[in-house]
Amino acid sequence: MTPARRWALRLASIAVLLLGWELYGRSLNPILLSRPTLVLAAGIDMIADGSLLHAMHDSLIVLTLGLVAGAIAGVALGLVAGRIEAVAAVLDVPVNALYATPTVALIPMIVLWFGFDVMAKTVVVFLFVVLPVLINTVRGVREVDPGLVEVARTFCSSEPRIWRDLVLPSALPYIMTGIRLAIGRALTGVIVAEFYTALSGLGNLITTNANQFQTARMEVPIVIIAVLGVGLTMLLEWAEHQLARWRETP
């Protein structure tokens, strides 16, 4: 499929979704569900009064810090654990236990340790992000063909060259998949952190406007979160294409 056709289908699906939302929203009480035209008008008003830009600034700081730190830590630990069995054995039980534990349940403890400010929210987002990246990276490293590793060693390749020329390229699709999953979890973590710690950012807008039955204004930050998710995912796809040009994109 050509890029132009792919984009045409994407835009068509967005248009159908917005049209369906607009038509269905007109049949309901605006308190129950707003519609795109009202959400757009509310968004313009919130930009004009500064509330939306201020909230986005607060949320984007937490999102950036937590996502970047979690992705770096997850990739680094995953690469080491994937190649060194002793490290994998040490991390196995803690990672599985932490992954099985709802991160929301840890927020009271995080607040006690880090307070209610940016640090606590960043730690929450970090925990949402690091595990899927770590688990997928470990799997990617372990999926490297042992035969290729042996061939590389037969030709006297050093361990750094094996990492650079074989392990990292082979594990890259798994790493990117982990980061793609982490993007959605990071956005969830931002809103959850803003709900359960100090109310601020986009989470504050959702809660405040919901309590005031301002449905259109409540849906504005929800749309912003969805757009951020789509934008970050597309940026990641572009980065993967640049890093892995040898792979054919379907």
Foldseek 3Di string as FASTA:
>chain_A
DDPVVVVVVVVVVVVVVLVVQQVVQVVDDVLVPHHDVLLVVLVVVCVVVVQQVFLQVQLVVLLVLQLVVLLVLLLVLLLVVLVDVVSVVVCVVVLVVLVPDPLLVCLVVLCVVPNQDSVSLSVLLSSLQNNLLNVLLSVQQNPFDVVVVVVCVVVVHDPVCCVVPTRCLSSVVSNLVSSLSSLVSSLVSSLSSCVPGPPGHLNVQLVVCNVVSVNSSNCNSVVVSVVSSVVVNVVSVVVSCVVCVVDDDD
